[in-house]
Amino acid sequence: MLITIPDVLSPEEVADARSILEGAEWIDGRVTAGHQSARAKDNQQISEGHPAAEKVGGMILAALSKNPLFITSALPLRIFPPLFNRYAGGQSFGTHVDNAIRQFPGSGARIRTDLSATLFFEEPENYDGGELCVEDTYGVHRVKLPAGSMVLYPSTSLHHVTPVTRGARLCSFFWLQSMIRDDGKRSLLLDLDLAIQRLGNDMGEHDAAKKTAVQLTGVYHNLLRQWAEM
């Protein structure tokens, strides 16, 4: 399941975030890569725990906590602190799969990576290349979103970033552990939740429709109760 979430950050928030990030120190992106990924990775990052990363990361997490599409599609349990990368001058990231477990910086706490997220900070017309390409059973999905928008996809997916041949691609990336480990079950719950919302918007004062909405809501929560891991 690949989900595009538009306008996570407003244009004003994007501008503020860019100003903060561009003033930070950038290092070799391979410092956060696993053994397999490091051989394919060529980009720059802001180091984990850097004040700029913490400030903009907090802005992102605050916005996501109020975003209904993110909540209903991800059903987040734990979110890894957002990281930030930049590609320019032909840099790219070859095909890889994300590490299954990440350790929170400064603690022994760990997170299982069920979903990966990329939030874009540069408008797509300002750079060439830099598409996030995510592979699944239906083929390769190429993603290059407007600034402030985000994509969610299963961390089990093979994916890569194509070379940036003009301009620079600036993004945040992070992982989350969902209450629902299985991507297929998350997809079913998302479809059911969206159907309930559409029914609620369209039913007016019809008693039968209201009863159906209540029943479906009960099914949703009972499935969530049965499948959720806390």
Protein backbone atom coordinates (compact mmCIF):
# COMPACT_ATOMS: atom_id res chain seq x y z
CA MET A 1 0.00 0.00 0.00
CA LEU A 2 1.49 3.31 -1.14
CA ILE A 3 -0.28 6.40 0.20
CA THR A 4 0.31 10.01 -0.87
CA ILE A 5 -0.52 12.59 1.82
CA PRO A 6 -0.74 16.11 0.39
CA ASP A 7 -0.02 19.35 2.25
CA VAL A 8 1.40 17.88 5.45
CA LEU A 9 3.21 21.21 5.84
CA SER A 10 1.96 24.57 4.62
CA PRO A 11 4.07 26.68 2.23
CA GLU A 12 5.02 28.89 5.17
CA GLU A 13 6.13 25.89 7.22
CA VAL A 14 8.11 24.54 4.28
CA ALA A 15 9.91 27.88 3.90
CA ASP A 16 10.71 28.02 7.64
CA ALA A 17 11.96 24.42 7.60
CA ARG A 18 14.17 25.02 4.55
CA SER A 19 15.74 28.07 6.19
CA ILE A 20 16.59 26.01 9.27
CA LEU A 21 17.89 23.00 7.33
CA GLU A 22 20.01 24.94 4.86
CA GLY A 23 21.91 26.52 7.75
CA ALA A 24 22.80 23.14 9.26
CA GLU A 25 25.97 21.10 8.74
CA TRP A 26 25.57 18.30 6.17
CA ILE A 27 27.56 15.06 6.35
CA ASP A 28 27.97 11.86 4.32
CA GLY A 29 24.63 10.07 4.27
CA ARG A 30 26.19 6.64 4.68
CA VAL A 31 26.50 7.18 8.44
CA THR A 32 22.90 5.97 8.94
CA ALA A 33 22.96 3.19 6.35
CA GLY A 34 23.17 -0.50 7.05
CA HIS A 35 25.93 -2.65 5.51
CA GLN A 36 23.94 -3.43 2.36
CA SER A 37 22.54 0.09 1.93
CA ALA A 38 25.88 1.85 2.43
CA ARG A 39 27.22 0.39 -0.82
CA ALA A 40 24.32 1.91 -2.79
CA LYS A 41 23.94 5.24 -0.97
CA ASP A 42 25.34 8.55 -2.21
CA ASN A 43 23.80 11.62 -0.58
CA GLN A 44 24.19 14.06 2.28
CA GLN A 45 22.38 14.11 5.62
CA ILE A 46 22.07 16.16 8.75
CA SER A 47 23.39 14.15 11.70
CA GLU A 48 20.92 12.53 14.08
CA GLY A 49 20.22 14.71 17.09
CA HIS A 50 21.32 17.93 15.38
CA PRO A 51 19.27 20.89 16.71
CA ALA A 52 18.03 21.71 13.19
CA ALA A 53 16.84 18.13 12.67
CA GLU A 54 15.12 18.11 16.04
CA LYS A 55 13.37 21.42 15.41
CA VAL A 56 12.07 20.60 11.93
CA GLY A 57 11.37 17.01 12.98
CA GLY A 58 9.16 18.32 15.77
CA MET A 59 7.32 20.47 13.24
CA ILE A 60 6.67 17.41 11.07
CA LEU A 61 5.49 15.22 13.94
CA ALA A 62 3.16 17.95 15.21
CA ALA A 63 1.61 18.30 11.75
CA LEU A 64 1.18 14.53 11.35
CA SER A 65 -0.52 14.23 14.74
CA LYS A 66 -3.33 16.40 13.32
CA ASN A 67 -3.50 14.81 9.87
CA PRO A 68 -6.51 12.46 9.56
CA LEU A 69 -5.26 10.65 6.44
CA PHE A 70 -1.92 9.89 8.08
CA ILE A 71 -3.57 8.58 11.24
CA THR A 72 -6.07 6.35 9.46
CA SER A 73 -3.60 4.97 6.91
CA ALA A 74 -0.60 4.43 9.22
CA LEU A 75 -2.28 3.70 12.58
CA PRO A 76 1.03 4.74 14.15
CA LEU A 77 2.33 3.28 17.40
CA ARG A 78 5.89 4.66 17.41
CA ILE A 79 7.59 7.10 15.03
CA PHE A 80 11.34 7.34 14.56
CA PRO A 81 12.63 10.94 14.78
CA PRO A 82 12.65 12.41 11.25
CA LEU A 83 15.97 12.54 9.42
CA PHE A 84 16.91 14.78 6.49
CA ASN A 85 18.79 14.17 3.25
CA ARG A 86 19.90 16.08 0.18
CA TYR A 87 20.81 14.84 -3.31
CA ALA A 88 22.62 16.94 -5.93
CA GLY A 89 25.29 16.65 -8.62
CA GLY A 90 24.27 13.18 -9.81
CA GLN A 91 23.85 11.68 -6.34
CA SER A 92 21.44 8.75 -5.99
CA PHE A 93 20.51 5.80 -3.79
CA GLY A 94 20.53 2.38 -5.42
CA THR A 95 17.94 -0.32 -4.90
CA HIS A 96 17.72 -1.45 -1.28
CA VAL A 97 15.33 -2.43 1.51
CA ASP A 98 15.22 -0.53 4.81
CA ASN A 99 16.53 -2.10 8.01
CA ALA A 100 13.84 -4.02 9.87
CA ILE A 101 14.80 -2.57 13.28
CA ARG A 102 16.01 0.91 14.18
CA GLN A 103 17.33 2.03 17.56
CA PHE A 104 16.21 5.41 18.87
CA PRO A 105 19.19 7.75 19.24
CA GLY A 106 20.41 8.10 22.80
CA SER A 107 18.44 5.16 24.18
CA GLY A 108 18.12 1.40 23.98
CA ALA A 109 14.56 1.63 22.68
CA ARG A 110 13.91 0.02 19.31
CA ILE A 111 11.28 0.35 16.63
CA ARG A 112 10.13 -2.19 14.06
CA THR A 113 9.98 -0.44 10.69
CA ASP A 114 6.56 -1.25 9.23
CA LEU A 115 6.23 1.92 7.12
CA SER A 116 8.72 4.28 5.53
CA ALA A 117 7.96 7.94 4.90
CA THR A 118 9.46 10.59 2.63
CA LEU A 119 8.38 14.24 2.91
CA PHE A 120 9.50 16.60 0.13
CA PHE A 121 10.85 20.13 0.72
CA GLU A 122 11.63 21.14 -2.88
CA GLU A 123 9.18 21.70 -5.71
CA PRO A 124 9.57 19.01 -8.40
CA GLU A 125 10.17 21.48 -11.23
CA ASN A 126 13.26 22.82 -9.44
CA TYR A 127 15.33 19.65 -9.92
CA ASP A 128 15.72 16.86 -12.48
CA GLY A 129 15.73 13.25 -11.38
CA GLY A 130 15.36 12.37 -7.72
CA GLU A 131 12.28 10.18 -8.13
CA LEU A 132 11.60 7.76 -5.31
CA CYS A 133 10.89 4.45 -7.06
CA VAL A 134 9.04 1.87 -4.96
CA GLU A 135 8.62 -1.70 -6.21
CA ASP A 136 5.67 -3.96 -5.41
CA THR A 137 3.74 -6.78 -7.06
CA TYR A 138 2.12 -4.28 -9.45
CA GLY A 139 5.40 -2.83 -10.74
CA VAL A 140 7.49 0.24 -9.97
CA HIS A 141 5.82 3.40 -8.63
CA ARG A 142 7.71 6.64 -9.27
CA VAL A 143 7.10 9.37 -6.69
CA LYS A 144 8.12 13.04 -6.88
CA LEU A 145 5.76 15.22 -4.87
CA PRO A 146 5.19 18.95 -4.32
CA ALA A 147 6.97 20.56 -1.38
CA GLY A 148 5.12 19.84 1.86
CA SER A 149 3.62 16.55 0.66
CA MET A 150 4.59 13.07 1.85
CA VAL A 151 4.46 9.45 0.71
CA LEU A 152 4.03 6.39 2.93
CA TYR A 153 5.00 2.91 1.74
CA PRO A 154 5.78 -0.49 3.30
CA SER A 155 9.33 -0.72 4.63
CA THR A 156 9.52 -4.22 3.15
CA SER A 157 9.53 -2.70 -0.35
CA LEU A 158 12.57 -2.55 -2.57
CA HIS A 159 13.10 1.09 -3.50
CA HIS A 160 15.67 3.52 -4.89
CA VAL A 161 16.20 7.23 -5.64
CA THR A 162 17.21 8.14 -9.19
CA PRO A 163 20.21 10.44 -9.81
CA VAL A 164 19.60 14.18 -9.36
CA THR A 165 21.13 15.78 -12.43
CA ARG A 166 19.96 19.41 -11.93
CA GLY A 167 19.24 21.33 -8.76
CA ALA A 168 18.90 19.63 -5.39
CA ARG A 169 16.36 17.28 -3.81
CA LEU A 170 15.74 18.04 -0.13
CA CYS A 171 13.59 15.63 1.90
CA SER A 172 12.83 14.27 5.33
CA PHE A 173 12.69 10.52 5.76
CA PHE A 174 11.72 8.37 8.70
CA TRP A 175 10.06 5.12 9.75
CA LEU A 176 7.19 4.14 11.96
CA GLN A 177 5.86 1.10 13.71
CA SER A 178 2.15 0.64 13.16
CA MET A 179 -0.36 -0.88 15.54
CA ILE A 180 -1.13 -3.18 12.60
CA ARG A 181 2.00 -5.03 11.50
CA ASP A 182 0.53 -6.57 8.33
CA ASP A 183 0.27 -4.26 5.30
CA GLY A 184 -2.73 -6.15 3.90
CA LYS A 185 -4.68 -5.72 7.12
CA ARG A 186 -3.78 -2.02 7.29
CA SER A 187 -5.04 -1.64 3.73
CA LEU A 188 -8.36 -3.32 4.58
CA LEU A 189 -8.83 -1.09 7.62
CA LEU A 190 -8.06 2.02 5.57
CA ASP A 191 -10.60 1.06 2.90
CA LEU A 192 -13.22 0.36 5.55
CA ASP A 193 -12.56 3.61 7.42
CA LEU A 194 -12.74 5.69 4.23
CA ALA A 195 -15.99 3.96 3.23
CA ILE A 196 -17.50 4.73 6.64
CA GLN A 197 -16.48 8.38 6.28
CA ARG A 198 -18.05 8.63 2.81
CA LEU A 199 -21.23 6.99 4.07
CA GLY A 200 -21.38 9.43 6.97
CA ASN A 201 -21.01 12.38 4.62
CA ASP A 202 -23.72 11.18 2.22
CA MET A 203 -26.37 9.58 4.41
CA GLY A 204 -28.25 12.72 5.53
CA GLU A 205 -31.12 11.84 7.89
CA HIS A 206 -31.80 8.30 6.61
CA ASP A 207 -32.15 5.98 9.61
CA ALA A 208 -31.11 2.87 7.67
CA ALA A 209 -27.91 4.55 6.51
CA LYS A 210 -27.14 5.69 10.04
CA LYS A 211 -27.62 2.16 11.34
CA THR A 212 -25.34 0.80 8.61
CA ALA A 213 -22.66 3.36 9.49
CA VAL A 214 -22.81 2.34 13.16
CA GLN A 215 -22.55 -1.34 12.27
CA LEU A 216 -19.59 -0.77 9.97
CA THR A 217 -17.89 1.36 12.60
CA GLY A 218 -18.32 -1.53 15.02
CA VAL A 219 -16.75 -3.91 12.51
CA TYR A 220 -13.81 -1.53 12.05
CA HIS A 221 -13.10 -1.23 15.77
CA ASN A 222 -13.55 -4.93 16.41
CA LEU A 223 -11.04 -5.76 13.66
CA LEU A 224 -8.66 -3.15 15.07
CA ARG A 225 -9.11 -4.64 18.54
CA GLN A 226 -8.37 -8.11 17.20
CA TRP A 227 -5.32 -7.20 15.10
CA ALA A 228 -3.64 -4.36 16.99
CA GLU A 229 -0.29 -4.81 18.73
CA MET A 230 0.50 -2.37 21.51
